[in-house]
PDB file of all heavy atoms in Angstrom:
ATOM      1  N   THR A   1      11.914  24.866 -24.048  1.00  0.00           N
ATOM      2  CA  THR A   1      10.794  23.877 -23.872  1.00  0.00           C
ATOM      3  C   THR A   1       9.905  24.380 -22.759  1.00  0.00           C
ATOM      4  O   THR A   1      10.410  24.900 -21.683  1.00  0.00           O
ATOM      5  CB  THR A   1      11.350  22.477 -23.571  1.00  0.00           C
ATOM      6  OG1 THR A   1      12.312  22.134 -24.575  1.00  0.00           O
ATOM      7  CG2 THR A   1      10.207  21.489 -23.597  1.00  0.00           C
ATOM      8  N   ILE A   2       8.609  24.167 -22.989  1.00  0.00           N
ATOM      9  CA  ILE A   2       7.614  24.568 -21.970  1.00  0.00           C
ATOM     10  C   ILE A   2       6.945  23.236 -21.508  1.00  0.00           C
ATOM     11  O   ILE A   2       6.445  22.465 -22.250  1.00  0.00           O
ATOM     12  CB  ILE A   2       6.540  25.520 -22.397  1.00  0.00           C
ATOM     13  CG1 ILE A   2       7.238  26.885 -22.841  1.00  0.00           C
ATOM     14  CG2 ILE A   2       5.503  25.656 -21.452  1.00  0.00           C
ATOM     15  CD1 ILE A   2       6.196  27.833 -23.496  1.00  0.00           C
ATOM     16  N   TYR A   3       7.008  23.054 -20.197  1.00  0.00           N
ATOM     17  CA  TYR A   3       6.270  21.862 -19.612  1.00  0.00           C
ATOM     18  C   TYR A   3       5.240  22.461 -18.676  1.00  0.00           C
ATOM     19  O   TYR A   3       5.479  23.404 -18.023  1.00  0.00           O
ATOM     20  CB  TYR A   3       7.246  20.987 -18.729  1.00  0.00           C
ATOM     21  CG  TYR A   3       8.445  20.398 -19.472  1.00  0.00           C
ATOM     22  CD1 TYR A   3       9.636  21.054 -19.656  1.00  0.00           C
ATOM     23  CD2 TYR A   3       8.344  19.023 -19.931  1.00  0.00           C
ATOM     24  CE1 TYR A   3      10.710  20.463 -20.181  1.00  0.00           C
ATOM     25  CE2 TYR A   3       9.385  18.519 -20.620  1.00  0.00           C
ATOM     26  CZ  TYR A   3      10.534  19.162 -20.770  1.00  0.00           C
ATOM     27  OH  TYR A   3      11.572  18.627 -21.380  1.00  0.00           O
ATOM     28  N   LEU A   4       4.074  21.890 -18.762  1.00  0.00           N
ATOM     29  CA  LEU A   4       2.932  22.295 -17.844  1.00  0.00           C
ATOM     30  C   LEU A   4       2.616  21.211 -16.817  1.00  0.00           C
ATOM     31  O   LEU A   4       2.764  20.022 -17.006  1.00  0.00           O
ATOM     32  CB  LEU A   4       1.699  22.743 -18.608  1.00  0.00           C
ATOM     33  CG  LEU A   4       1.791  23.950 -19.495  1.00  0.00           C
ATOM     34  CD1 LEU A   4       0.381  24.345 -20.014  1.00  0.00           C
ATOM     35  CD2 LEU A   4       2.397  25.174 -18.725  1.00  0.00           C
ATOM     36  N   SER A   5       2.172  21.639 -15.611  1.00  0.00           N
ATOM     37  CA  SER A   5       1.901  20.774 -14.561  1.00  0.00           C
ATOM     38  C   SER A   5       0.582  20.022 -14.667  1.00  0.00           C
ATOM     39  O   SER A   5      -0.492  20.775 -14.860  1.00  0.00           O
ATOM     40  CB  SER A   5       2.041  21.495 -13.183  1.00  0.00           C
ATOM     41  OG  SER A   5       3.184  22.223 -13.055  1.00  0.00           O
ATOM     42  N   ASN A   6       0.579  18.708 -14.535  1.00  0.00           N
ATOM     43  CA  ASN A   6      -0.610  18.019 -14.438  1.00  0.00           C
ATOM     44  C   ASN A   6      -0.620  17.413 -13.026  1.00  0.00           C
ATOM     45  O   ASN A   6      -0.055  16.344 -12.727  1.00  0.00           O
ATOM     46  CB  ASN A   6      -0.666  16.841 -15.448  1.00  0.00           C
ATOM     47  CG  ASN A   6      -1.971  16.045 -15.476  1.00  0.00           C
ATOM     48  OD1 ASN A   6      -2.646  16.019 -14.418  1.00  0.00           O
ATOM     49  ND2 ASN A   6      -2.347  15.541 -16.621  1.00  0.00           N
ATOM     50  N   HIS A   7      -1.275  18.136 -12.079  1.00  0.00           N
ATOM     51  CA  HIS A   7      -1.224  17.785 -10.754  1.00  0.00           C
ATOM     52  C   HIS A   7      -2.088  16.535 -10.477  1.00  0.00           C
ATOM     53  O   HIS A   7      -1.710  15.792  -9.573  1.00  0.00           O
ATOM     54  CB  HIS A   7      -1.791  19.010  -9.894  1.00  0.00           C
ATOM     55  CG  HIS A   7      -0.846  20.153  -9.820  1.00  0.00           C
ATOM     56  ND1 HIS A   7       0.181  20.158  -9.020  1.00  0.00           N
ATOM     57  CD2 HIS A   7      -0.829  21.290 -10.592  1.00  0.00           C
ATOM     58  CE1 HIS A   7       0.790  21.366  -9.200  1.00  0.00           C
ATOM     59  NE2 HIS A   7       0.224  22.022 -10.066  1.00  0.00           N
ATOM     60  N   GLN A   8      -3.094  16.258 -11.296  1.00  0.00           N
ATOM     61  CA  GLN A   8      -3.853  15.059 -11.104  1.00  0.00           C
ATOM     62  C   GLN A   8      -2.976  13.824 -11.283  1.00  0.00           C
ATOM     63  O   GLN A   8      -3.140  12.813 -10.580  1.00  0.00           O
ATOM     64  CB  GLN A   8      -5.028  15.039 -12.044  1.00  0.00           C
ATOM     65  CG  GLN A   8      -5.970  13.903 -11.830  1.00  0.00           C
ATOM     66  CD  GLN A   8      -7.146  14.005 -12.872  1.00  0.00           C
ATOM     67  OE1 GLN A   8      -7.109  14.743 -13.821  1.00  0.00           O
ATOM     68  NE2 GLN A   8      -8.169  13.312 -12.596  1.00  0.00           N
ATOM     69  N   LYS A   9      -2.096  13.862 -12.247  1.00  0.00           N
ATOM     70  CA  LYS A   9      -1.223  12.688 -12.560  1.00  0.00           C
ATOM     71  C   LYS A   9       0.248  12.969 -12.027  1.00  0.00           C
ATOM     72  O   LYS A   9       1.059  12.071 -12.256  1.00  0.00           O
ATOM     73  CB  LYS A   9      -1.160  12.482 -14.109  1.00  0.00           C
ATOM     74  CG  LYS A   9      -2.549  12.039 -14.558  1.00  0.00           C
ATOM     75  CD  LYS A   9      -2.485  11.579 -16.052  1.00  0.00           C
ATOM     76  CE  LYS A   9      -3.905  11.014 -16.444  1.00  0.00           C
ATOM     77  NZ  LYS A   9      -3.895  10.400 -17.834  1.00  0.00           N
ATOM     78  N   GLN A  10       0.448  14.025 -11.314  1.00  0.00           N
ATOM     79  CA  GLN A  10       1.745  14.226 -10.616  1.00  0.00           C
ATOM     80  C   GLN A  10       2.879  14.155 -11.681  1.00  0.00           C
ATOM     81  O   GLN A  10       3.898  13.465 -11.570  1.00  0.00           O
ATOM     82  CB  GLN A  10       2.017  13.211  -9.523  1.00  0.00           C
ATOM     83  CG  GLN A  10       1.143  13.351  -8.360  1.00  0.00           C
ATOM     84  CD  GLN A  10       1.420  14.639  -7.550  1.00  0.00           C
ATOM     85  OE1 GLN A  10       2.534  14.755  -7.032  1.00  0.00           O
ATOM     86  NE2 GLN A  10       0.604  15.678  -7.622  1.00  0.00           N
ATOM     87  N   ARG A  11       2.706  14.910 -12.842  1.00  0.00           N
ATOM     88  CA  ARG A  11       3.706  14.910 -13.760  1.00  0.00           C
ATOM     89  C   ARG A  11       3.703  16.238 -14.589  1.00  0.00           C
ATOM     90  O   ARG A  11       2.788  16.988 -14.665  1.00  0.00           O
ATOM     91  CB  ARG A  11       3.517  13.759 -14.774  1.00  0.00           C
ATOM     92  CG  ARG A  11       2.292  13.870 -15.691  1.00  0.00           C
ATOM     93  CD  ARG A  11       2.018  12.594 -16.377  1.00  0.00           C
ATOM     94  NE  ARG A  11       0.982  12.752 -17.495  1.00  0.00           N
ATOM     95  CZ  ARG A  11       0.512  11.798 -18.101  1.00  0.00           C
ATOM     96  NH1 ARG A  11       0.790  10.520 -17.854  1.00  0.00           N
ATOM     97  NH2 ARG A  11      -0.417  11.961 -19.031  1.00  0.00           N
ATOM     98  N   LEU A  12       4.846  16.514 -15.300  1.00  0.00           N
ATOM     99  CA  LEU A  12       4.938  17.654 -16.195  1.00  0.00           C
ATOM    100  C   LEU A  12       4.840  17.162 -17.717  1.00  0.00           C
ATOM    101  O   LEU A  12       5.548  16.239 -18.004  1.00  0.00           O
ATOM    102  CB  LEU A  12       6.340  18.356 -15.940  1.00  0.00           C
ATOM    103  CG  LEU A  12       6.461  19.033 -14.605  1.00  0.00           C
ATOM    104  CD1 LEU A  12       7.935  18.993 -14.124  1.00  0.00           C
ATOM    105  CD2 LEU A  12       6.032  20.480 -14.752  1.00  0.00           C
ATOM    106  N   GLU A  13       4.001  17.860 -18.374  1.00  0.00           N
ATOM    107  CA  GLU A  13       3.716  17.418 -19.788  1.00  0.00           C
ATOM    108  C   GLU A  13       4.308  18.476 -20.696  1.00  0.00           C
ATOM    109  O   GLU A  13       4.177  19.733 -20.507  1.00  0.00           O
ATOM    110  CB  GLU A  13       2.266  17.259 -20.050  1.00  0.00           C
ATOM    111  CG  GLU A  13       1.623  16.179 -19.134  1.00  0.00           C
ATOM    112  CD  GLU A  13       0.213  15.829 -19.366  1.00  0.00           C
ATOM    113  OE1 GLU A  13      -0.338  16.510 -20.374  1.00  0.00           O
ATOM    114  OE2 GLU A  13      -0.399  15.134 -18.655  1.00  0.00           O
ATOM    115  N   LEU A  14       5.075  17.973 -21.706  1.00  0.00           N
ATOM    116  CA  LEU A  14       5.694  18.815 -22.754  1.00  0.00           C
ATOM    117  C   LEU A  14       4.616  19.475 -23.628  1.00  0.00           C
ATOM    118  O   LEU A  14       3.825  18.689 -24.230  1.00  0.00           O
ATOM    119  CB  LEU A  14       6.704  18.125 -23.477  1.00  0.00           C
ATOM    120  CG  LEU A  14       7.627  18.933 -24.450  1.00  0.00           C
ATOM    121  CD1 LEU A  14       8.968  18.216 -24.582  1.00  0.00           C
ATOM    122  CD2 LEU A  14       6.960  19.127 -25.790  1.00  0.00           C
ATOM    123  N   MET A  15       4.579  20.798 -23.688  1.00  0.00           N
ATOM    124  CA  MET A  15       3.519  21.407 -24.365  1.00  0.00           C
ATOM    125  C   MET A  15       4.020  22.156 -25.702  1.00  0.00           C
ATOM    126  O   MET A  15       3.341  22.345 -26.598  1.00  0.00           O
ATOM    127  CB  MET A  15       2.796  22.534 -23.556  1.00  0.00           C
ATOM    128  CG  MET A  15       2.143  21.932 -22.228  1.00  0.00           C
ATOM    129  SD  MET A  15       0.900  20.692 -22.711  1.00  0.00           S
ATOM    130  CE  MET A  15      -0.286  21.710 -23.548  1.00  0.00           C
ATOM    131  N   ALA A  16       5.297  22.597 -25.655  1.00  0.00           N
ATOM    132  CA  ALA A  16       5.852  23.320 -26.777  1.00  0.00           C
ATOM    133  C   ALA A  16       7.393  23.247 -26.672  1.00  0.00           C
ATOM    134  O   ALA A  16       7.922  23.307 -25.578  1.00  0.00           O
ATOM    135  CB  ALA A  16       5.400  24.729 -26.816  1.00  0.00           C
ATOM    136  N   THR A  17       8.057  22.958 -27.807  1.00  0.00           N
ATOM    137  CA  THR A  17       9.512  22.958 -27.787  1.00  0.00           C
ATOM    138  C   THR A  17      10.136  23.483 -29.187  1.00  0.00           C
ATOM    139  O   THR A  17       9.502  23.249 -30.249  1.00  0.00           O
ATOM    140  CB  THR A  17      10.064  21.566 -27.425  1.00  0.00           C
ATOM    141  OG1 THR A  17      11.515  21.612 -27.329  1.00  0.00           O
ATOM    142  CG2 THR A  17       9.626  20.624 -28.491  1.00  0.00           C
ATOM    143  N   LYS A  18      11.338  24.055 -29.021  1.00  0.00           N
ATOM    144  CA  LYS A  18      12.088  24.260 -30.238  1.00  0.00           C
ATOM    145  C   LYS A  18      13.492  23.618 -29.841  1.00  0.00           C
ATOM    146  O   LYS A  18      14.127  23.998 -28.907  1.00  0.00           O
ATOM    147  CB  LYS A  18      12.330  25.697 -30.512  1.00  0.00           C
ATOM    148  CG  LYS A  18      13.302  25.915 -31.768  1.00  0.00           C
ATOM    149  CD  LYS A  18      13.580  27.352 -32.021  1.00  0.00           C
ATOM    150  CE  LYS A  18      14.484  27.449 -33.174  1.00  0.00           C
ATOM    151  NZ  LYS A  18      14.993  28.806 -33.452  1.00  0.00           N
ATOM    152  N   GLY A  19      13.866  22.562 -30.530  1.00  0.00           N
ATOM    153  CA  GLY A  19      15.187  21.938 -30.275  1.00  0.00           C
ATOM    154  C   GLY A  19      15.122  20.525 -29.823  1.00  0.00           C
ATOM    155  O   GLY A  19      16.071  19.764 -30.025  1.00  0.00           O
ATOM    156  N   LEU A  20      13.989  20.147 -29.242  1.00  0.00           N
ATOM    157  CA  LEU A  20      13.860  18.723 -28.836  1.00  0.00           C
ATOM    158  C   LEU A  20      13.028  17.923 -29.931  1.00  0.00           C
ATOM    159  O   LEU A  20      12.063  18.482 -30.468  1.00  0.00           O
ATOM    160  CB  LEU A  20      13.084  18.621 -27.484  1.00  0.00           C
ATOM    161  CG  LEU A  20      13.844  19.114 -26.228  1.00  0.00           C
ATOM    162  CD1 LEU A  20      13.028  18.870 -25.040  1.00  0.00           C
ATOM    163  CD2 LEU A  20      15.220  18.480 -26.087  1.00  0.00           C
ATOM    164  N   THR A  21      13.429  16.746 -30.057  1.00  0.00           N
ATOM    165  CA  THR A  21      12.693  15.855 -30.982  1.00  0.00           C
ATOM    166  C   THR A  21      12.371  14.626 -30.133  1.00  0.00           C
ATOM    167  O   THR A  21      13.388  14.042 -29.442  1.00  0.00           O
ATOM    168  CB  THR A  21      13.443  15.394 -32.234  1.00  0.00           C
ATOM    169  OG1 THR A  21      14.683  14.832 -31.833  1.00  0.00           O
ATOM    170  CG2 THR A  21      13.704  16.656 -33.114  1.00  0.00           C
ATOM    171  N   PHE A  22      11.224  14.127 -30.141  1.00  0.00           N
ATOM    172  CA  PHE A  22      10.866  12.904 -29.277  1.00  0.00           C
ATOM    173  C   PHE A  22       9.889  12.058 -30.019  1.00  0.00           C
ATOM    174  O   PHE A  22       9.167  12.477 -30.783  1.00  0.00           O
ATOM    175  CB  PHE A  22      10.340  13.436 -27.907  1.00  0.00           C
ATOM    176  CG  PHE A  22       9.040  14.179 -28.037  1.00  0.00           C
ATOM    177  CD1 PHE A  22       7.793  13.543 -27.919  1.00  0.00           C
ATOM    178  CD2 PHE A  22       9.107  15.584 -28.196  1.00  0.00           C
ATOM    179  CE1 PHE A  22       6.620  14.284 -27.910  1.00  0.00           C
ATOM    180  CE2 PHE A  22       7.912  16.259 -28.205  1.00  0.00           C
ATOM    181  CZ  PHE A  22       6.666  15.618 -28.149  1.00  0.00           C
ATOM    182  N   SER A  23      10.040  10.736 -29.655  1.00  0.00           N
ATOM    183  CA  SER A  23       9.174   9.808 -30.277  1.00  0.00           C
ATOM    184  C   SER A  23       7.897   9.643 -29.496  1.00  0.00           C
ATOM    185  O   SER A  23       7.844   9.973 -28.333  1.00  0.00           O
ATOM    186  CB  SER A  23       9.908   8.459 -30.258  1.00  0.00           C
ATOM    187  OG  SER A  23      10.267   8.006 -28.998  1.00  0.00           O
ATOM    188  N   GLY A  24       6.798   9.259 -30.196  1.00  0.00           N
ATOM    189  CA  GLY A  24       5.515   9.076 -29.563  1.00  0.00           C
ATOM    190  C   GLY A  24       4.752  10.327 -29.644  1.00  0.00           C
ATOM    191  O   GLY A  24       5.137  11.391 -30.148  1.00  0.00           O
ATOM    192  N   LYS A  25       3.430  10.211 -29.210  1.00  0.00           N
ATOM    193  CA  LYS A  25       2.540  11.354 -29.341  1.00  0.00           C
ATOM    194  C   LYS A  25       2.705  12.404 -28.185  1.00  0.00           C
ATOM    195  O   LYS A  25       2.241  13.566 -28.201  1.00  0.00           O
ATOM    196  CB  LYS A  25       1.093  10.865 -29.355  1.00  0.00           C
ATOM    197  CG  LYS A  25       0.777  10.044 -30.636  1.00  0.00           C
ATOM    198  CD  LYS A  25      -0.695   9.620 -30.676  1.00  0.00           C
ATOM    199  CE  LYS A  25      -1.027   8.833 -31.921  1.00  0.00           C
ATOM    200  NZ  LYS A  25      -2.391   8.407 -31.994  1.00  0.00           N
ATOM    201  N   GLN A  26       3.220  11.958 -27.066  1.00  0.00           N
ATOM    202  CA  GLN A  26       3.258  12.667 -25.797  1.00  0.00           C
ATOM    203  C   GLN A  26       4.385  12.459 -24.924  1.00  0.00           C
ATOM    204  O   GLN A  26       4.898  11.284 -24.939  1.00  0.00           O
ATOM    205  CB  GLN A  26       1.921  12.387 -25.008  1.00  0.00           C
ATOM    206  CG  GLN A  26       1.650  13.166 -23.810  1.00  0.00           C
ATOM    207  CD  GLN A  26       0.399  12.761 -23.115  1.00  0.00           C
ATOM    208  OE1 GLN A  26      -0.382  12.113 -23.602  1.00  0.00           O
ATOM    209  NE2 GLN A  26       0.238  13.182 -21.821  1.00  0.00           N
ATOM    210  N   LEU A  27       4.961  13.376 -24.345  1.00  0.00           N
ATOM    211  CA  LEU A  27       6.082  13.201 -23.454  1.00  0.00           C
ATOM    212  C   LEU A  27       5.768  13.814 -22.024  1.00  0.00           C
ATOM    213  O   LEU A  27       5.291  15.053 -22.031  1.00  0.00           O
ATOM    214  CB  LEU A  27       7.339  13.798 -23.981  1.00  0.00           C
ATOM    215  CG  LEU A  27       8.525  13.504 -23.066  1.00  0.00           C
ATOM    216  CD1 LEU A  27       9.720  12.977 -23.937  1.00  0.00           C
ATOM    217  CD2 LEU A  27       8.991  14.769 -22.346  1.00  0.00           C
ATOM    218  N   HIS A  28       6.078  13.101 -21.012  1.00  0.00           N
ATOM    219  CA  HIS A  28       5.866  13.656 -19.713  1.00  0.00           C
ATOM    220  C   HIS A  28       6.932  13.258 -18.759  1.00  0.00           C
ATOM    221  O   HIS A  28       7.563  12.253 -18.973  1.00  0.00           O
ATOM    222  CB  HIS A  28       4.577  13.207 -19.155  1.00  0.00           C
ATOM    223  CG  HIS A  28       4.203  11.757 -19.198  1.00  0.00           C
ATOM    224  ND1 HIS A  28       4.667  10.849 -18.287  1.00  0.00           N
ATOM    225  CD2 HIS A  28       3.484  11.060 -20.107  1.00  0.00           C
ATOM    226  CE1 HIS A  28       4.338   9.680 -18.643  1.00  0.00           C
ATOM    227  NE2 HIS A  28       3.541   9.776 -19.708  1.00  0.00           N
ATOM    228  N   ILE A  29       7.197  14.071 -17.772  1.00  0.00           N
ATOM    229  CA  ILE A  29       8.244  13.880 -16.779  1.00  0.00           C
ATOM    230  C   ILE A  29       7.573  13.942 -15.406  1.00  0.00           C
ATOM    231  O   ILE A  29       6.869  14.895 -15.088  1.00  0.00           O
ATOM    232  CB  ILE A  29       9.325  14.936 -16.852  1.00  0.00           C
ATOM    233  CG1 ILE A  29      10.005  14.894 -18.217  1.00  0.00           C
ATOM    234  CG2 ILE A  29      10.326  14.839 -15.734  1.00  0.00           C
ATOM    235  CD1 ILE A  29      11.021  16.042 -18.427  1.00  0.00           C
ATOM    236  N   GLY A  30       7.792  12.946 -14.512  1.00  0.00           N
ATOM    237  CA  GLY A  30       7.261  12.935 -13.208  1.00  0.00           C
ATOM    238  C   GLY A  30       7.778  14.032 -12.371  1.00  0.00           C
ATOM    239  O   GLY A  30       8.908  14.587 -12.573  1.00  0.00           O
ATOM    240  N   PHE A  31       6.958  14.567 -11.362  1.00  0.00           N
ATOM    241  CA  PHE A  31       7.370  15.599 -10.531  1.00  0.00           C
ATOM    242  C   PHE A  31       8.655  15.205  -9.832  1.00  0.00           C
ATOM    243  O   PHE A  31       9.417  16.110  -9.397  1.00  0.00           O
ATOM    244  CB  PHE A  31       6.338  15.922  -9.529  1.00  0.00           C
ATOM    245  CG  PHE A  31       5.123  16.676 -10.052  1.00  0.00           C
ATOM    246  CD1 PHE A  31       3.985  16.758  -9.318  1.00  0.00           C
ATOM    247  CD2 PHE A  31       5.117  17.280 -11.305  1.00  0.00           C
ATOM    248  CE1 PHE A  31       2.824  17.426  -9.843  1.00  0.00           C
ATOM    249  CE2 PHE A  31       4.078  17.957 -11.831  1.00  0.00           C
ATOM    250  CZ  PHE A  31       2.975  18.039 -11.077  1.00  0.00           C
ATOM    251  N   ASN A  32       8.971  13.946  -9.597  1.00  0.00           N
ATOM    252  CA  ASN A  32      10.218  13.592  -8.881  1.00  0.00           C
ATOM    253  C   ASN A  32      11.345  13.177  -9.816  1.00  0.00           C
ATOM    254  O   ASN A  32      12.367  12.450  -9.378  1.00  0.00           O
ATOM    255  CB  ASN A  32       9.806  12.457  -7.945  1.00  0.00           C
ATOM    256  CG  ASN A  32       8.879  12.840  -6.844  1.00  0.00           C
ATOM    257  OD1 ASN A  32       9.030  13.844  -6.219  1.00  0.00           O
ATOM    258  ND2 ASN A  32       7.889  12.024  -6.618  1.00  0.00           N
ATOM    259  N   GLU A  33      11.203  13.483 -11.136  1.00  0.00           N
ATOM    260  CA  GLU A  33      12.195  12.933 -12.110  1.00  0.00           C
ATOM    261  C   GLU A  33      12.976  14.122 -12.677  1.00  0.00           C
ATOM    262  O   GLU A  33      12.516  15.212 -13.088  1.00  0.00           O
ATOM    263  CB  GLU A  33      11.475  12.274 -13.306  1.00  0.00           C
ATOM    264  CG  GLU A  33      10.859  10.961 -12.928  1.00  0.00           C
ATOM    265  CD  GLU A  33      10.235  10.298 -14.139  1.00  0.00           C
ATOM    266  OE1 GLU A  33       9.332  10.859 -14.736  1.00  0.00           O
ATOM    267  OE2 GLU A  33      10.660   9.203 -14.489  1.00  0.00           O
ATOM    268  N   GLY A  34      14.283  13.867 -12.649  1.00  0.00           N
ATOM    269  CA  GLY A  34      15.159  14.750 -13.454  1.00  0.00           C
ATOM    270  C   GLY A  34      15.336  16.202 -12.920  1.00  0.00           C
ATOM    271  O   GLY A  34      14.817  16.594 -11.927  1.00  0.00           O
ATOM    272  N   LEU A  35      16.045  17.005 -13.764  1.00  0.00           N
ATOM    273  CA  LEU A  35      16.258  18.398 -13.401  1.00  0.00           C
ATOM    274  C   LEU A  35      15.017  19.210 -13.506  1.00  0.00           C
ATOM    275  O   LEU A  35      14.764  20.129 -12.714  1.00  0.00           O
ATOM    276  CB  LEU A  35      17.337  18.983 -14.316  1.00  0.00           C
ATOM    277  CG  LEU A  35      18.745  18.329 -14.136  1.00  0.00           C
ATOM    278  CD1 LEU A  35      19.753  19.099 -15.099  1.00  0.00           C
ATOM    279  CD2 LEU A  35      19.263  18.363 -12.782  1.00  0.00           C
ATOM    280  N   VAL A  36      14.193  18.841 -14.480  1.00  0.00           N
ATOM    281  CA  VAL A  36      12.854  19.629 -14.692  1.00  0.00           C
ATOM    282  C   VAL A  36      11.993  19.350 -13.493  1.00  0.00           C
ATOM    283  O   VAL A  36      11.351  20.284 -12.925  1.00  0.00           O
ATOM    284  CB  VAL A  36      12.174  19.225 -15.944  1.00  0.00           C
ATOM    285  CG1 VAL A  36      10.863  19.974 -16.140  1.00  0.00           C
ATOM    286  CG2 VAL A  36      13.058  19.479 -17.184  1.00  0.00           C
ATOM    287  N   GLY A  37      11.962  18.117 -13.014  1.00  0.00           N
ATOM    288  CA  GLY A  37      11.148  17.816 -11.825  1.00  0.00           C
ATOM    289  C   GLY A  37      11.700  18.538 -10.626  1.00  0.00           C
ATOM    290  O   GLY A  37      10.983  19.017  -9.720  1.00  0.00           O
ATOM    291  N   LEU A  38      13.128  18.656 -10.547  1.00  0.00           N
ATOM    292  CA  LEU A  38      13.686  19.303  -9.357  1.00  0.00           C
ATOM    293  C   LEU A  38      13.224  20.809  -9.333  1.00  0.00           C
ATOM    294  O   LEU A  38      12.954  21.358  -8.239  1.00  0.00           O
ATOM    295  CB  LEU A  38      15.208  19.221  -9.549  1.00  0.00           C
ATOM    296  CG  LEU A  38      16.013  19.930  -8.477  1.00  0.00           C
ATOM    297  CD1 LEU A  38      15.726  19.409  -7.117  1.00  0.00           C
ATOM    298  CD2 LEU A  38      17.562  19.871  -8.823  1.00  0.00           C
ATOM    299  N   VAL A  39      13.258  21.435 -10.518  1.00  0.00           N
ATOM    300  CA  VAL A  39      12.839  22.883 -10.578  1.00  0.00           C
ATOM    301  C   VAL A  39      11.328  22.963 -10.063  1.00  0.00           C
ATOM    302  O   VAL A  39      10.975  23.883  -9.341  1.00  0.00           O
ATOM    303  CB  VAL A  39      12.982  23.436 -11.920  1.00  0.00           C
ATOM    304  CG1 VAL A  39      12.337  24.882 -12.096  1.00  0.00           C
ATOM    305  CG2 VAL A  39      14.441  23.426 -12.396  1.00  0.00           C
ATOM    306  N   HIS A  40      10.505  22.011 -10.516  1.00  0.00           N
ATOM    307  CA  HIS A  40       9.201  22.066 -10.064  1.00  0.00           C
ATOM    308  C   HIS A  40       9.019  21.862  -8.617  1.00  0.00           C
ATOM    309  O   HIS A  40       8.208  22.555  -7.995  1.00  0.00           O
ATOM    310  CB  HIS A  40       8.347  21.058 -10.878  1.00  0.00           C
ATOM    311  CG  HIS A  40       6.890  20.997 -10.601  1.00  0.00           C
ATOM    312  ND1 HIS A  40       6.269  20.406  -9.517  1.00  0.00           N
ATOM    313  CD2 HIS A  40       5.893  21.602 -11.331  1.00  0.00           C
ATOM    314  CE1 HIS A  40       4.934  20.621  -9.604  1.00  0.00           C
ATOM    315  NE2 HIS A  40       4.701  21.306 -10.720  1.00  0.00           N
ATOM    316  N   ARG A  41       9.664  20.955  -7.982  1.00  0.00           N
ATOM    317  CA  ARG A  41       9.645  20.610  -6.543  1.00  0.00           C
ATOM    318  C   ARG A  41      10.195  21.726  -5.830  1.00  0.00           C
ATOM    319  O   ARG A  41       9.543  22.112  -4.720  1.00  0.00           O
ATOM    320  CB  ARG A  41      10.437  19.331  -6.244  1.00  0.00           C
ATOM    321  CG  ARG A  41       9.862  18.085  -6.823  1.00  0.00           C
ATOM    322  CD  ARG A  41      10.409  16.854  -6.196  1.00  0.00           C
ATOM    323  NE  ARG A  41      11.915  16.899  -6.178  1.00  0.00           N
ATOM    324  CZ  ARG A  41      12.655  16.347  -7.174  1.00  0.00           C
ATOM    325  NH1 ARG A  41      12.093  15.977  -8.346  1.00  0.00           N
ATOM    326  NH2 ARG A  41      13.920  16.324  -7.082  1.00  0.00           N
ATOM    327  N   THR A  42      11.234  22.425  -6.177  1.00  0.00           N
ATOM    328  CA  THR A  42      11.887  23.408  -5.307  1.00  0.00           C
ATOM    329  C   THR A  42      11.292  24.853  -5.592  1.00  0.00           C
ATOM    330  O   THR A  42      11.465  25.722  -4.811  1.00  0.00           O
ATOM    331  CB  THR A  42      13.386  23.453  -5.600  1.00  0.00           C
ATOM    332  OG1 THR A  42      13.677  23.835  -6.961  1.00  0.00           O
ATOM    333  CG2 THR A  42      14.053  22.120  -5.193  1.00  0.00           C
ATOM    334  N   ALA A  43      10.615  24.975  -6.801  1.00  0.00           N
ATOM    335  CA  ALA A  43      10.049  26.282  -7.137  1.00  0.00           C
ATOM    336  C   ALA A  43      11.129  27.343  -7.257  1.00  0.00           C
ATOM    337  O   ALA A  43      10.944  28.527  -6.930  1.00  0.00           O
ATOM    338  CB  ALA A  43       8.929  26.701  -6.256  1.00  0.00           C
ATOM    339  N   LYS A  44      12.306  26.875  -7.698  1.00  0.00           N
ATOM    340  CA  LYS A  44      13.512  27.781  -7.887  1.00  0.00           C
ATOM    341  C   LYS A  44      14.156  27.618  -9.230  1.00  0.00           C
ATOM    342  O   LYS A  44      14.202  26.468  -9.719  1.00  0.00           O
ATOM    343  CB  LYS A  44      14.487  27.590  -6.773  1.00  0.00           C
ATOM    344  CG  LYS A  44      14.035  27.840  -5.277  1.00  0.00           C
ATOM    345  CD  LYS A  44      15.191  27.528  -4.413  1.00  0.00           C
ATOM    346  CE  LYS A  44      14.792  27.749  -2.893  1.00  0.00           C
ATOM    347  NZ  LYS A  44      15.838  27.404  -1.926  1.00  0.00           N
ATOM    348  N   PRO A  45      14.696  28.647  -9.746  1.00  0.00           N
ATOM    349  CA  PRO A  45      15.518  28.475 -11.018  1.00  0.00           C
ATOM    350  C   PRO A  45      16.655  27.656 -10.858  1.00  0.00           C
ATOM    351  O   PRO A  45      17.257  27.514  -9.644  1.00  0.00           O
ATOM    352  CB  PRO A  45      15.905  29.960 -11.350  1.00  0.00           C
ATOM    353  CG  PRO A  45      14.951  30.909 -10.581  1.00  0.00           C
ATOM    354  CD  PRO A  45      14.661  30.064  -9.264  1.00  0.00           C
ATOM    355  N   LEU A  46      17.056  26.968 -11.833  1.00  0.00           N
ATOM    356  CA  LEU A  46      18.321  26.070 -11.851  1.00  0.00           C
ATOM    357  C   LEU A  46      19.192  26.369 -13.021  1.00  0.00           C
ATOM    358  O   LEU A  46      18.680  26.327 -14.120  1.00  0.00           O
ATOM    359  CB  LEU A  46      17.784  24.613 -11.775  1.00  0.00           C
ATOM    360  CG  LEU A  46      19.011  23.633 -11.696  1.00  0.00           C
ATOM    361  CD1 LEU A  46      19.753  23.718 -10.392  1.00  0.00           C
ATOM    362  CD2 LEU A  46      18.395  22.165 -11.958  1.00  0.00           C
TER     363      LEU A  46
END
């Protein structure tokens, strides 16, 4: 999965995936949410 940063809204937006299925038109994860947010905050692989 690829998430891209939306700094204006302080969130990561799902742009492309193979393997995830999600409901709705759009999925986003806050910079302070979950493991994906942790990788974004620390700028380190996990």
